[in-house]
N, C-alpha and C. Protein backbone atom coordinates (compact mmCIF):
# COMPACT_ATOMS: atom_id res chain seq x y z
N UNK A 1 0.82 -1.21 0.00
CA UNK A 1 0.00 0.00 0.00
C UNK A 1 0.87 1.27 0.00
N UNK A 2 2.08 1.16 -0.51
CA UNK A 2 2.97 2.31 -0.52
C UNK A 2 2.34 3.50 -1.24
N UNK A 3 1.69 3.22 -2.40
CA UNK A 3 1.08 4.29 -3.17
C UNK A 3 0.00 5.00 -2.36
N UNK A 4 -0.81 4.25 -1.63
CA UNK A 4 -1.87 4.84 -0.83
C UNK A 4 -1.29 5.72 0.28
N UNK A 5 -0.28 5.19 0.97
CA UNK A 5 0.32 5.97 2.06
C UNK A 5 0.93 7.27 1.55
N UNK A 6 1.64 7.17 0.43
CA UNK A 6 2.25 8.37 -0.14
C UNK A 6 1.17 9.36 -0.59
N UNK A 7 0.09 8.84 -1.16
CA UNK A 7 -1.00 9.72 -1.63
C UNK A 7 -1.64 10.44 -0.46
N UNK A 8 -1.82 9.77 0.66
CA UNK A 8 -2.43 10.40 1.83
C UNK A 8 -1.53 11.50 2.40
N UNK A 9 -0.23 11.27 2.38
CA UNK A 9 0.71 12.29 2.84
C UNK A 9 0.65 13.51 1.93
N UNK A 10 0.63 13.27 0.62
CA UNK A 10 0.55 14.39 -0.33
C UNK A 10 -0.75 15.15 -0.17
N UNK A 11 -1.84 14.44 0.13
CA UNK A 11 -3.13 15.10 0.32
C UNK A 11 -3.09 15.98 1.58
N UNK A 12 -2.49 15.49 2.63
CA UNK A 12 -2.38 16.28 3.87
C UNK A 12 -1.57 17.55 3.64
N UNK A 13 -0.50 17.41 2.88
CA UNK A 13 0.34 18.57 2.57
C UNK A 13 -0.44 19.58 1.74
N UNK A 14 -1.16 19.09 0.73
CA UNK A 14 -1.94 19.98 -0.13
C UNK A 14 -3.00 20.72 0.69
N UNK A 15 -3.67 20.01 1.58
CA UNK A 15 -4.71 20.63 2.40
C UNK A 15 -4.13 21.76 3.26
N UNK A 16 -2.95 21.54 3.80
CA UNK A 16 -2.30 22.56 4.63
C UNK A 16 -1.82 23.74 3.79
N UNK A 17 -1.41 23.47 2.56
CA UNK A 17 -0.90 24.53 1.70
C UNK A 17 -1.96 25.58 1.39
N UNK A 18 -3.22 25.17 1.36
CA UNK A 18 -4.30 26.13 1.08
C UNK A 18 -4.36 27.20 2.16
N UNK A 19 -3.93 26.87 3.37
CA UNK A 19 -3.95 27.81 4.49
C UNK A 19 -2.59 28.48 4.70
N UNK A 20 -1.69 28.29 3.78
CA UNK A 20 -0.36 28.86 3.92
C UNK A 20 -0.40 30.38 3.95
N UNK A 21 0.50 30.96 4.73
CA UNK A 21 0.61 32.42 4.78
C UNK A 21 1.34 32.96 3.56
N UNK A 22 1.95 32.05 2.79
CA UNK A 22 2.60 32.44 1.55
C UNK A 22 1.54 32.46 0.45
N UNK A 23 1.21 33.63 -0.10
CA UNK A 23 0.13 33.73 -1.09
C UNK A 23 0.39 32.91 -2.34
N UNK A 24 1.63 32.74 -2.72
CA UNK A 24 1.96 31.96 -3.91
C UNK A 24 1.62 30.49 -3.68
N UNK A 25 1.99 29.97 -2.50
CA UNK A 25 1.72 28.58 -2.15
C UNK A 25 0.21 28.34 -2.05
N UNK A 26 -0.49 29.26 -1.38
CA UNK A 26 -1.93 29.11 -1.18
C UNK A 26 -2.67 29.14 -2.52
N UNK A 27 -2.26 30.04 -3.42
CA UNK A 27 -2.94 30.15 -4.71
C UNK A 27 -2.69 28.93 -5.57
N UNK A 28 -1.48 28.40 -5.52
CA UNK A 28 -1.17 27.19 -6.28
C UNK A 28 -2.03 26.03 -5.80
N UNK A 29 -2.21 25.92 -4.48
CA UNK A 29 -3.05 24.86 -3.91
C UNK A 29 -4.50 25.06 -4.33
N UNK A 30 -4.97 26.30 -4.29
CA UNK A 30 -6.36 26.60 -4.65
C UNK A 30 -6.63 26.23 -6.11
N UNK A 31 -5.67 26.50 -6.98
CA UNK A 31 -5.85 26.14 -8.40
C UNK A 31 -6.03 24.63 -8.56
N UNK A 32 -5.28 23.86 -7.78
CA UNK A 32 -5.39 22.40 -7.87
C UNK A 32 -6.77 21.95 -7.38
N UNK A 33 -7.28 22.57 -6.34
CA UNK A 33 -8.60 22.21 -5.84
C UNK A 33 -9.70 22.59 -6.84
N UNK A 34 -9.47 23.65 -7.56
CA UNK A 34 -10.47 24.11 -8.53
C UNK A 34 -10.61 23.17 -9.73
N UNK A 35 -9.74 22.19 -9.83
CA UNK A 35 -9.88 21.19 -10.89
C UNK A 35 -11.05 20.25 -10.61
N UNK A 36 -11.50 20.21 -9.36
CA UNK A 36 -12.63 19.36 -9.01
C UNK A 36 -13.93 20.06 -9.38
N UNK A 37 -14.85 19.33 -9.97
CA UNK A 37 -16.12 19.93 -10.40
C UNK A 37 -16.89 20.52 -9.23
N UNK A 38 -16.76 19.91 -8.05
CA UNK A 38 -17.50 20.39 -6.88
C UNK A 38 -16.96 21.71 -6.34
N UNK A 39 -15.74 22.08 -6.75
CA UNK A 39 -15.13 23.32 -6.25
C UNK A 39 -14.81 24.30 -7.36
N UNK A 40 -14.93 23.87 -8.60
CA UNK A 40 -14.50 24.71 -9.72
C UNK A 40 -15.26 26.02 -9.81
N UNK A 41 -16.52 26.03 -9.38
CA UNK A 41 -17.32 27.26 -9.48
C UNK A 41 -16.98 28.27 -8.38
N UNK A 42 -16.26 27.83 -7.38
CA UNK A 42 -15.91 28.72 -6.26
C UNK A 42 -14.85 29.75 -6.65
N UNK A 43 -13.86 29.29 -7.39
CA UNK A 43 -12.77 30.18 -7.76
C UNK A 43 -11.66 30.18 -6.73
N UNK A 44 -10.45 30.46 -7.16
CA UNK A 44 -9.29 30.40 -6.27
C UNK A 44 -9.39 31.41 -5.13
N UNK A 45 -9.85 32.62 -5.42
CA UNK A 45 -9.94 33.65 -4.38
C UNK A 45 -10.87 33.22 -3.24
N UNK A 46 -11.99 32.62 -3.60
CA UNK A 46 -12.96 32.19 -2.59
C UNK A 46 -12.40 31.08 -1.73
N UNK A 47 -11.68 30.16 -2.35
CA UNK A 47 -11.11 29.04 -1.59
C UNK A 47 -10.02 29.52 -0.62
N UNK A 48 -9.24 30.51 -1.06
CA UNK A 48 -8.21 31.06 -0.19
C UNK A 48 -8.85 31.84 0.96
N UNK A 49 -9.89 32.57 0.65
CA UNK A 49 -10.57 33.38 1.68
C UNK A 49 -11.36 32.52 2.65
N UNK A 50 -11.91 31.40 2.15
CA UNK A 50 -12.70 30.51 3.00
C UNK A 50 -12.18 29.08 2.87
N UNK A 51 -11.02 28.79 3.45
CA UNK A 51 -10.42 27.46 3.31
C UNK A 51 -11.26 26.34 3.92
N UNK A 52 -12.20 26.70 4.81
CA UNK A 52 -13.05 25.67 5.41
C UNK A 52 -14.01 25.05 4.40
N UNK A 53 -14.12 25.67 3.22
CA UNK A 53 -14.94 25.10 2.16
C UNK A 53 -14.32 23.80 1.64
N UNK A 54 -13.03 23.66 1.87
CA UNK A 54 -12.29 22.50 1.35
C UNK A 54 -12.05 21.51 2.48
N UNK A 55 -12.49 20.27 2.27
CA UNK A 55 -12.29 19.20 3.24
C UNK A 55 -11.12 18.31 2.83
N UNK A 56 -10.68 17.51 3.78
CA UNK A 56 -9.57 16.60 3.50
C UNK A 56 -9.94 15.64 2.37
N UNK A 57 -11.21 15.27 2.32
CA UNK A 57 -11.67 14.38 1.25
C UNK A 57 -11.43 15.00 -0.13
N UNK A 58 -11.57 16.32 -0.22
CA UNK A 58 -11.29 17.00 -1.49
C UNK A 58 -9.81 16.84 -1.86
N UNK A 59 -8.95 16.98 -0.86
CA UNK A 59 -7.51 16.86 -1.12
C UNK A 59 -7.17 15.45 -1.59
N UNK A 60 -7.79 14.45 -0.99
CA UNK A 60 -7.55 13.07 -1.41
C UNK A 60 -7.98 12.87 -2.87
N UNK A 61 -9.13 13.47 -3.22
CA UNK A 61 -9.62 13.33 -4.59
C UNK A 61 -8.71 14.02 -5.58
N UNK A 62 -8.19 15.19 -5.23
CA UNK A 62 -7.25 15.90 -6.11
C UNK A 62 -6.04 15.03 -6.40
N UNK A 63 -5.47 14.44 -5.36
CA UNK A 63 -4.29 13.59 -5.54
C UNK A 63 -4.62 12.40 -6.41
N UNK A 64 -5.77 11.79 -6.19
CA UNK A 64 -6.16 10.63 -6.99
C UNK A 64 -6.30 11.01 -8.46
N UNK A 65 -6.96 12.13 -8.72
CA UNK A 65 -7.15 12.59 -10.10
C UNK A 65 -5.80 12.90 -10.75
N UNK A 66 -4.92 13.54 -10.01
CA UNK A 66 -3.60 13.87 -10.55
C UNK A 66 -2.78 12.62 -10.85
N UNK A 67 -3.11 11.53 -10.16
CA UNK A 67 -2.41 10.26 -10.39
C UNK A 67 -3.10 9.41 -11.45
N UNK A 68 -4.16 9.96 -12.08
CA UNK A 68 -4.79 9.27 -13.19
C UNK A 68 -6.02 8.46 -12.85
N UNK A 69 -6.59 8.65 -11.65
CA UNK A 69 -7.80 7.92 -11.24
C UNK A 69 -9.01 8.85 -11.27
N UNK A 70 -10.18 8.26 -11.39
CA UNK A 70 -11.41 9.05 -11.43
C UNK A 70 -11.78 9.58 -10.04
N UNK A 71 -11.36 8.87 -9.01
CA UNK A 71 -11.72 9.24 -7.64
C UNK A 71 -10.76 8.59 -6.66
N UNK A 72 -10.88 9.00 -5.39
CA UNK A 72 -10.07 8.37 -4.34
C UNK A 72 -10.44 6.90 -4.17
N UNK A 73 -11.72 6.60 -4.30
CA UNK A 73 -12.18 5.22 -4.20
C UNK A 73 -11.55 4.35 -5.28
N UNK A 74 -11.40 4.92 -6.47
CA UNK A 74 -10.79 4.18 -7.56
C UNK A 74 -9.32 3.90 -7.28
N UNK A 75 -8.64 4.88 -6.71
CA UNK A 75 -7.24 4.67 -6.34
C UNK A 75 -7.13 3.56 -5.30
N UNK A 76 -8.01 3.57 -4.29
CA UNK A 76 -8.00 2.54 -3.26
C UNK A 76 -8.28 1.17 -3.85
N UNK A 77 -9.26 1.10 -4.74
CA UNK A 77 -9.61 -0.18 -5.34
C UNK A 77 -8.43 -0.76 -6.12
N UNK A 78 -7.72 0.09 -6.83
CA UNK A 78 -6.56 -0.36 -7.58
C UNK A 78 -5.47 -0.87 -6.65
N UNK A 79 -5.25 -0.15 -5.55
CA UNK A 79 -4.23 -0.55 -4.58
C UNK A 79 -4.59 -1.87 -3.91
N UNK A 80 -5.88 -2.03 -3.60
CA UNK A 80 -6.31 -3.28 -2.96
C UNK A 80 -6.14 -4.47 -3.90
N UNK A 81 -6.46 -4.27 -5.17
CA UNK A 81 -6.32 -5.35 -6.14
C UNK A 81 -4.86 -5.75 -6.28
N UNK A 82 -3.99 -4.78 -6.30
CA UNK A 82 -2.55 -5.06 -6.39
C UNK A 82 -2.07 -5.77 -5.13
N UNK A 83 -2.57 -5.31 -3.98
CA UNK A 83 -2.17 -5.89 -2.70
C UNK A 83 -2.65 -7.33 -2.58
N UNK A 84 -3.86 -7.59 -3.05
CA UNK A 84 -4.44 -8.94 -2.95
C UNK A 84 -3.66 -9.93 -3.81
N UNK A 85 -3.02 -9.42 -4.85
CA UNK A 85 -2.27 -10.30 -5.75
C UNK A 85 -0.85 -10.56 -5.24
N UNK A 86 -0.48 -9.88 -4.16
CA UNK A 86 0.87 -10.03 -3.61
C UNK A 86 0.87 -11.06 -2.50
N UNK A 87 1.72 -12.09 -2.57
CA UNK A 87 1.78 -13.09 -1.50
C UNK A 87 2.10 -12.43 -0.16
N UNK A 88 1.47 -12.92 0.90
CA UNK A 88 1.69 -12.35 2.23
C UNK A 88 2.32 -13.37 3.16
N UNK A 89 3.09 -12.88 4.09
CA UNK A 89 3.69 -13.74 5.11
C UNK A 89 3.15 -13.35 6.47
N UNK A 90 3.81 -13.78 7.52
CA UNK A 90 3.35 -13.43 8.87
C UNK A 90 3.33 -11.92 9.05
N UNK A 91 2.39 -11.43 9.80
CA UNK A 91 2.29 -10.00 10.07
C UNK A 91 2.18 -9.77 11.56
N UNK A 92 2.44 -8.54 11.96
CA UNK A 92 2.41 -8.17 13.37
C UNK A 92 1.10 -7.49 13.71
N UNK A 93 0.49 -7.91 14.79
CA UNK A 93 -0.75 -7.31 15.28
C UNK A 93 -0.39 -6.38 16.44
N UNK A 94 -0.35 -5.07 16.18
CA UNK A 94 0.08 -4.14 17.22
C UNK A 94 -0.92 -4.01 18.37
N UNK A 95 -2.15 -4.48 18.16
CA UNK A 95 -3.10 -4.46 19.27
C UNK A 95 -2.63 -5.38 20.38
N UNK A 96 -1.89 -6.41 20.02
CA UNK A 96 -1.36 -7.33 21.02
C UNK A 96 -0.31 -6.68 21.91
N UNK A 97 0.29 -5.59 21.43
CA UNK A 97 1.26 -4.87 22.26
C UNK A 97 0.63 -4.47 23.59
N UNK A 98 -0.66 -4.14 23.54
CA UNK A 98 -1.32 -3.55 24.69
C UNK A 98 -2.09 -4.58 25.53
N UNK A 99 -1.87 -5.87 25.24
CA UNK A 99 -2.44 -6.89 26.10
C UNK A 99 -1.67 -6.95 27.42
N UNK A 100 -0.45 -6.42 27.39
CA UNK A 100 0.36 -6.30 28.60
C UNK A 100 0.12 -4.93 29.24
N UNK A 101 0.53 -4.77 30.47
CA UNK A 101 0.38 -3.49 31.14
C UNK A 101 1.46 -2.54 30.65
N UNK A 102 1.06 -1.61 29.78
CA UNK A 102 2.00 -0.68 29.17
C UNK A 102 1.68 0.77 29.54
N UNK A 103 0.85 0.95 30.58
CA UNK A 103 0.42 2.29 30.94
C UNK A 103 1.55 3.17 31.47
N UNK A 104 2.67 2.56 31.84
CA UNK A 104 3.79 3.34 32.37
C UNK A 104 4.51 4.13 31.28
N UNK A 105 4.19 3.80 30.02
CA UNK A 105 4.89 4.45 28.91
C UNK A 105 4.02 5.53 28.27
N UNK A 106 4.64 6.64 27.93
CA UNK A 106 3.95 7.76 27.31
C UNK A 106 4.16 7.69 25.81
N UNK A 107 3.11 7.33 25.09
CA UNK A 107 3.17 7.26 23.63
C UNK A 107 2.52 8.49 23.01
N UNK A 108 2.98 8.87 21.86
CA UNK A 108 2.42 10.02 21.13
C UNK A 108 1.45 9.47 20.09
N UNK A 109 0.18 9.87 20.19
CA UNK A 109 -0.87 9.31 19.34
C UNK A 109 -1.30 10.32 18.27
N UNK A 110 -1.64 9.79 17.08
CA UNK A 110 -2.00 10.65 15.95
C UNK A 110 -3.11 9.99 15.13
N UNK A 111 -3.89 10.82 14.46
CA UNK A 111 -4.97 10.30 13.62
C UNK A 111 -4.53 10.12 12.18
N UNK A 112 -3.41 10.72 11.78
CA UNK A 112 -2.91 10.55 10.42
C UNK A 112 -1.45 10.14 10.44
N UNK A 113 -1.07 9.42 9.40
CA UNK A 113 0.34 9.00 9.28
C UNK A 113 1.25 10.20 9.10
N UNK A 114 0.79 11.19 8.36
CA UNK A 114 1.62 12.38 8.12
C UNK A 114 2.02 13.05 9.42
N UNK A 115 1.08 13.17 10.35
CA UNK A 115 1.37 13.79 11.64
C UNK A 115 2.33 12.94 12.46
N UNK A 116 2.10 11.62 12.44
CA UNK A 116 2.97 10.71 13.19
C UNK A 116 4.39 10.75 12.62
N UNK A 117 4.49 10.78 11.31
CA UNK A 117 5.79 10.81 10.67
C UNK A 117 6.54 12.09 11.01
N UNK A 118 5.82 13.19 11.03
CA UNK A 118 6.44 14.48 11.38
C UNK A 118 6.99 14.44 12.81
N UNK A 119 6.22 13.85 13.73
CA UNK A 119 6.66 13.73 15.11
C UNK A 119 7.88 12.83 15.21
N UNK A 120 7.87 11.74 14.45
CA UNK A 120 9.01 10.83 14.45
C UNK A 120 10.28 11.55 14.01
N UNK A 121 10.17 12.34 12.96
CA UNK A 121 11.33 13.04 12.43
C UNK A 121 11.82 14.13 13.39
N UNK A 122 10.91 14.75 14.10
CA UNK A 122 11.29 15.85 14.98
C UNK A 122 11.76 15.39 16.36
N UNK A 123 11.13 14.34 16.88
CA UNK A 123 11.39 13.93 18.27
C UNK A 123 12.07 12.57 18.37
N UNK A 124 11.86 11.72 17.35
CA UNK A 124 12.42 10.37 17.40
C UNK A 124 11.42 9.38 17.95
N UNK A 125 11.85 8.13 18.07
CA UNK A 125 10.99 7.08 18.59
C UNK A 125 10.80 5.97 17.58
N UNK A 126 9.69 5.22 17.75
CA UNK A 126 9.37 4.08 16.89
C UNK A 126 7.90 4.22 16.50
N UNK A 127 7.62 4.28 15.19
CA UNK A 127 6.27 4.55 14.71
C UNK A 127 5.56 3.26 14.34
N UNK A 128 4.33 3.09 14.87
CA UNK A 128 3.52 1.90 14.60
C UNK A 128 2.07 2.32 14.30
N UNK A 129 1.34 1.47 13.58
CA UNK A 129 -0.11 1.67 13.43
C UNK A 129 -0.84 1.02 14.59
N UNK A 130 -2.03 1.50 14.88
CA UNK A 130 -2.90 0.86 15.88
C UNK A 130 -4.34 1.13 15.47
N UNK A 131 -5.03 0.09 15.00
CA UNK A 131 -6.39 0.25 14.49
C UNK A 131 -6.42 1.36 13.45
N UNK A 132 -7.19 2.42 13.70
CA UNK A 132 -7.26 3.50 12.71
C UNK A 132 -6.44 4.71 13.15
N UNK A 133 -5.43 4.47 14.00
CA UNK A 133 -4.57 5.54 14.48
C UNK A 133 -3.11 5.14 14.28
N UNK A 134 -2.22 6.02 14.75
CA UNK A 134 -0.79 5.77 14.70
C UNK A 134 -0.20 6.24 16.02
N UNK A 135 0.86 5.58 16.46
CA UNK A 135 1.52 6.05 17.68
C UNK A 135 3.03 5.93 17.53
N UNK A 136 3.72 6.81 18.24
CA UNK A 136 5.18 6.78 18.28
C UNK A 136 5.58 6.51 19.72
N UNK A 137 6.35 5.45 19.94
CA UNK A 137 6.74 5.07 21.28
C UNK A 137 8.24 5.28 21.49
N UNK A 138 8.67 5.15 22.73
CA UNK A 138 10.07 5.30 23.06
C UNK A 138 10.74 3.92 23.14
N UNK A 139 12.05 3.93 23.32
CA UNK A 139 12.80 2.67 23.36
C UNK A 139 12.34 1.77 24.50
N UNK A 140 11.95 2.36 25.63
CA UNK A 140 11.52 1.57 26.77
C UNK A 140 10.30 0.73 26.46
N UNK A 141 9.42 1.25 25.62
CA UNK A 141 8.21 0.51 25.23
C UNK A 141 8.60 -0.72 24.42
N UNK A 142 9.51 -0.54 23.46
CA UNK A 142 9.97 -1.65 22.63
C UNK A 142 10.65 -2.70 23.50
N UNK A 143 11.44 -2.25 24.45
CA UNK A 143 12.14 -3.17 25.35
C UNK A 143 11.15 -3.96 26.20
N UNK A 144 10.07 -3.29 26.64
CA UNK A 144 9.06 -3.96 27.46
C UNK A 144 8.33 -5.04 26.67
N UNK A 145 8.31 -4.91 25.36
CA UNK A 145 7.71 -5.94 24.52
C UNK A 145 8.58 -7.20 24.46
N UNK A 146 9.84 -7.04 24.87
CA UNK A 146 10.77 -8.15 24.78
C UNK A 146 11.72 -8.04 23.61
N UNK A 147 11.59 -6.96 22.83
CA UNK A 147 12.45 -6.74 21.67
C UNK A 147 13.64 -5.87 22.07
N UNK A 148 14.64 -5.86 21.24
CA UNK A 148 15.84 -5.07 21.50
C UNK A 148 15.73 -3.73 20.78
N UNK A 149 15.54 -2.63 21.52
CA UNK A 149 15.41 -1.33 20.86
C UNK A 149 16.68 -0.87 20.17
N UNK A 150 17.83 -1.50 20.54
CA UNK A 150 19.10 -1.12 19.92
C UNK A 150 19.42 -1.95 18.68
N UNK A 151 18.53 -2.87 18.34
CA UNK A 151 18.70 -3.68 17.13
C UNK A 151 18.85 -2.76 15.93
N UNK A 152 19.90 -2.94 15.16
CA UNK A 152 20.18 -2.06 14.03
C UNK A 152 19.11 -2.12 12.94
N UNK A 153 18.30 -3.17 12.98
CA UNK A 153 17.23 -3.26 11.98
C UNK A 153 16.20 -2.15 12.16
N UNK A 154 16.03 -1.64 13.37
CA UNK A 154 15.11 -0.51 13.57
C UNK A 154 15.59 0.70 12.78
N UNK A 155 16.90 0.95 12.88
CA UNK A 155 17.47 2.09 12.13
C UNK A 155 17.37 1.84 10.63
N UNK A 156 17.53 0.58 10.23
CA UNK A 156 17.47 0.26 8.79
C UNK A 156 16.08 0.52 8.21
N UNK A 157 15.03 0.32 9.01
CA UNK A 157 13.67 0.59 8.50
C UNK A 157 13.27 2.04 8.75
N UNK A 158 14.17 2.82 9.34
CA UNK A 158 13.87 4.23 9.62
C UNK A 158 12.96 4.40 10.82
N UNK A 159 12.90 3.37 11.70
CA UNK A 159 12.06 3.39 12.90
C UNK A 159 10.58 3.57 12.54
N UNK A 160 10.22 3.18 11.34
CA UNK A 160 8.88 3.42 10.82
C UNK A 160 8.27 2.11 10.34
N UNK A 161 7.28 1.59 11.07
CA UNK A 161 6.65 0.32 10.72
C UNK A 161 5.70 0.47 9.54
N UNK A 162 5.26 1.68 9.26
CA UNK A 162 4.31 1.92 8.17
C UNK A 162 5.03 1.99 6.83
N UNK A 163 6.13 2.69 6.80
CA UNK A 163 6.87 2.93 5.56
C UNK A 163 8.34 2.54 5.78
N UNK A 164 8.62 1.24 5.97
CA UNK A 164 10.01 0.82 6.24
C UNK A 164 10.92 1.03 5.05
N UNK A 165 12.12 1.50 5.33
CA UNK A 165 13.07 1.79 4.25
C UNK A 165 13.74 0.52 3.72
N UNK A 166 13.86 -0.51 4.57
CA UNK A 166 14.57 -1.73 4.21
C UNK A 166 13.64 -2.92 4.40
N UNK A 167 13.25 -3.55 3.28
CA UNK A 167 12.30 -4.65 3.34
C UNK A 167 12.85 -5.85 4.09
N UNK A 168 14.13 -6.16 3.90
CA UNK A 168 14.72 -7.31 4.57
C UNK A 168 14.76 -7.10 6.08
N UNK A 169 15.12 -5.89 6.51
CA UNK A 169 15.16 -5.58 7.94
C UNK A 169 13.75 -5.65 8.54
N UNK A 170 12.78 -5.16 7.78
CA UNK A 170 11.38 -5.21 8.22
C UNK A 170 10.93 -6.66 8.42
N UNK A 171 11.29 -7.53 7.49
CA UNK A 171 10.91 -8.93 7.60
C UNK A 171 11.57 -9.59 8.81
N UNK A 172 12.82 -9.25 9.08
CA UNK A 172 13.51 -9.81 10.25
C UNK A 172 12.84 -9.36 11.54
N UNK A 173 12.52 -8.07 11.62
CA UNK A 173 11.85 -7.56 12.82
C UNK A 173 10.46 -8.18 12.97
N UNK A 174 9.78 -8.38 11.85
CA UNK A 174 8.45 -9.02 11.90
C UNK A 174 8.56 -10.41 12.50
N UNK A 175 9.54 -11.19 12.03
CA UNK A 175 9.72 -12.54 12.56
C UNK A 175 10.02 -12.53 14.05
N UNK A 176 10.82 -11.56 14.50
CA UNK A 176 11.16 -11.48 15.92
C UNK A 176 9.95 -11.13 16.77
N UNK A 177 9.15 -10.17 16.29
CA UNK A 177 7.96 -9.77 17.04
C UNK A 177 6.91 -10.88 17.04
N UNK A 178 6.79 -11.58 15.91
CA UNK A 178 5.86 -12.71 15.84
C UNK A 178 6.29 -13.79 16.83
N UNK A 179 7.59 -14.04 16.92
CA UNK A 179 8.12 -15.04 17.86
C UNK A 179 7.85 -14.64 19.31
N UNK A 180 7.72 -13.35 19.56
CA UNK A 180 7.44 -12.86 20.91
C UNK A 180 5.94 -12.92 21.24
N UNK A 181 5.14 -13.33 20.28
CA UNK A 181 3.71 -13.49 20.52
C UNK A 181 2.84 -12.38 19.98
N UNK A 182 3.39 -11.56 19.08
CA UNK A 182 2.63 -10.42 18.55
C UNK A 182 2.19 -10.62 17.10
N UNK A 183 2.14 -11.85 16.66
CA UNK A 183 1.75 -12.13 15.29
C UNK A 183 0.25 -12.16 15.11
N UNK A 184 -0.19 -11.87 13.89
CA UNK A 184 -1.60 -11.99 13.53
C UNK A 184 -1.72 -13.14 12.56
N UNK A 185 -2.88 -13.76 12.50
CA UNK A 185 -3.09 -14.89 11.61
C UNK A 185 -2.89 -14.46 10.17
N UNK A 186 -2.35 -15.35 9.35
CA UNK A 186 -2.10 -15.03 7.94
C UNK A 186 -3.36 -14.61 7.22
N UNK A 187 -4.48 -15.25 7.57
CA UNK A 187 -5.74 -14.93 6.90
C UNK A 187 -6.22 -13.53 7.24
N UNK A 188 -5.72 -12.94 8.34
CA UNK A 188 -6.15 -11.61 8.73
C UNK A 188 -5.31 -10.52 8.08
N UNK A 189 -4.16 -10.88 7.49
CA UNK A 189 -3.24 -9.87 6.99
C UNK A 189 -3.86 -8.95 5.95
N UNK A 190 -4.57 -9.46 4.93
CA UNK A 190 -5.15 -8.54 3.94
C UNK A 190 -6.13 -7.57 4.57
N UNK A 191 -6.92 -8.04 5.56
CA UNK A 191 -7.88 -7.17 6.21
C UNK A 191 -7.18 -6.03 6.93
N UNK A 192 -6.08 -6.33 7.59
CA UNK A 192 -5.36 -5.29 8.33
C UNK A 192 -4.75 -4.28 7.37
N UNK A 193 -4.23 -4.74 6.25
CA UNK A 193 -3.68 -3.80 5.27
C UNK A 193 -4.78 -2.93 4.71
N UNK A 194 -5.95 -3.53 4.48
CA UNK A 194 -7.06 -2.75 3.93
C UNK A 194 -7.50 -1.69 4.92
N UNK A 195 -7.53 -2.00 6.23
CA UNK A 195 -7.92 -1.03 7.23
C UNK A 195 -6.99 0.17 7.21
N UNK A 196 -5.70 -0.06 7.03
CA UNK A 196 -4.76 1.05 6.94
C UNK A 196 -5.05 1.90 5.73
N UNK A 197 -5.39 1.26 4.63
CA UNK A 197 -5.66 2.00 3.41
C UNK A 197 -6.93 2.82 3.54
N UNK A 198 -7.86 2.40 4.38
CA UNK A 198 -9.15 3.07 4.52
C UNK A 198 -9.09 4.29 5.46
N UNK A 199 -7.96 4.53 6.10
CA UNK A 199 -7.91 5.55 7.15
C UNK A 199 -8.39 6.91 6.67
N UNK A 200 -8.01 7.26 5.45
CA UNK A 200 -8.37 8.60 4.98
C UNK A 200 -9.36 8.56 3.84
N UNK A 201 -10.11 7.47 3.72
CA UNK A 201 -11.06 7.38 2.62
C UNK A 201 -12.23 8.35 2.87
N UNK A 202 -12.62 9.13 1.90
CA UNK A 202 -13.73 10.07 2.08
C UNK A 202 -14.99 9.34 2.46
N UNK A 203 -15.78 9.95 3.34
CA UNK A 203 -17.06 9.35 3.74
C UNK A 203 -18.19 9.97 2.92
């Protein structure tokens, strides 16, 4: 689902650009939104003056259209079809992380991957998905799971479970976490990937 994750990040950036204090950036974003039939009659000036007219769903649709799809739903459907055709192996169920008493740890929680990624880059930590959210934890949390926070494979994946930089390192970490009891059934893997893809789907 790399394409979906990247598209959602680009949509979040576009949505923020409409509210930019830089008039050039804001106008460029408004022009892109005006490509949508639902916003084309508003005009760039109106969108800049009233940015609340534009929802995140509009930004997702703009990105999908720019990538050659008719809608965000069409982009998702294409990604799911590609994902379903890809063989899957063991996966990690991060909900199992919290079957243990982990209240002593302070995690940073986010509703979008873009926000979680920004926090990871600014503050550090380890980024994971959880249901329809994302969280960034500290080394102590990883250690409490029974994993080694100093394992170089964390650095190889960029400390990011959503968008790992190194596929081999990600697979090794997956096997270790599964061995610690955090695995999800193979039959559940496509459903979990689909849930991640649905996080920013327009309602």
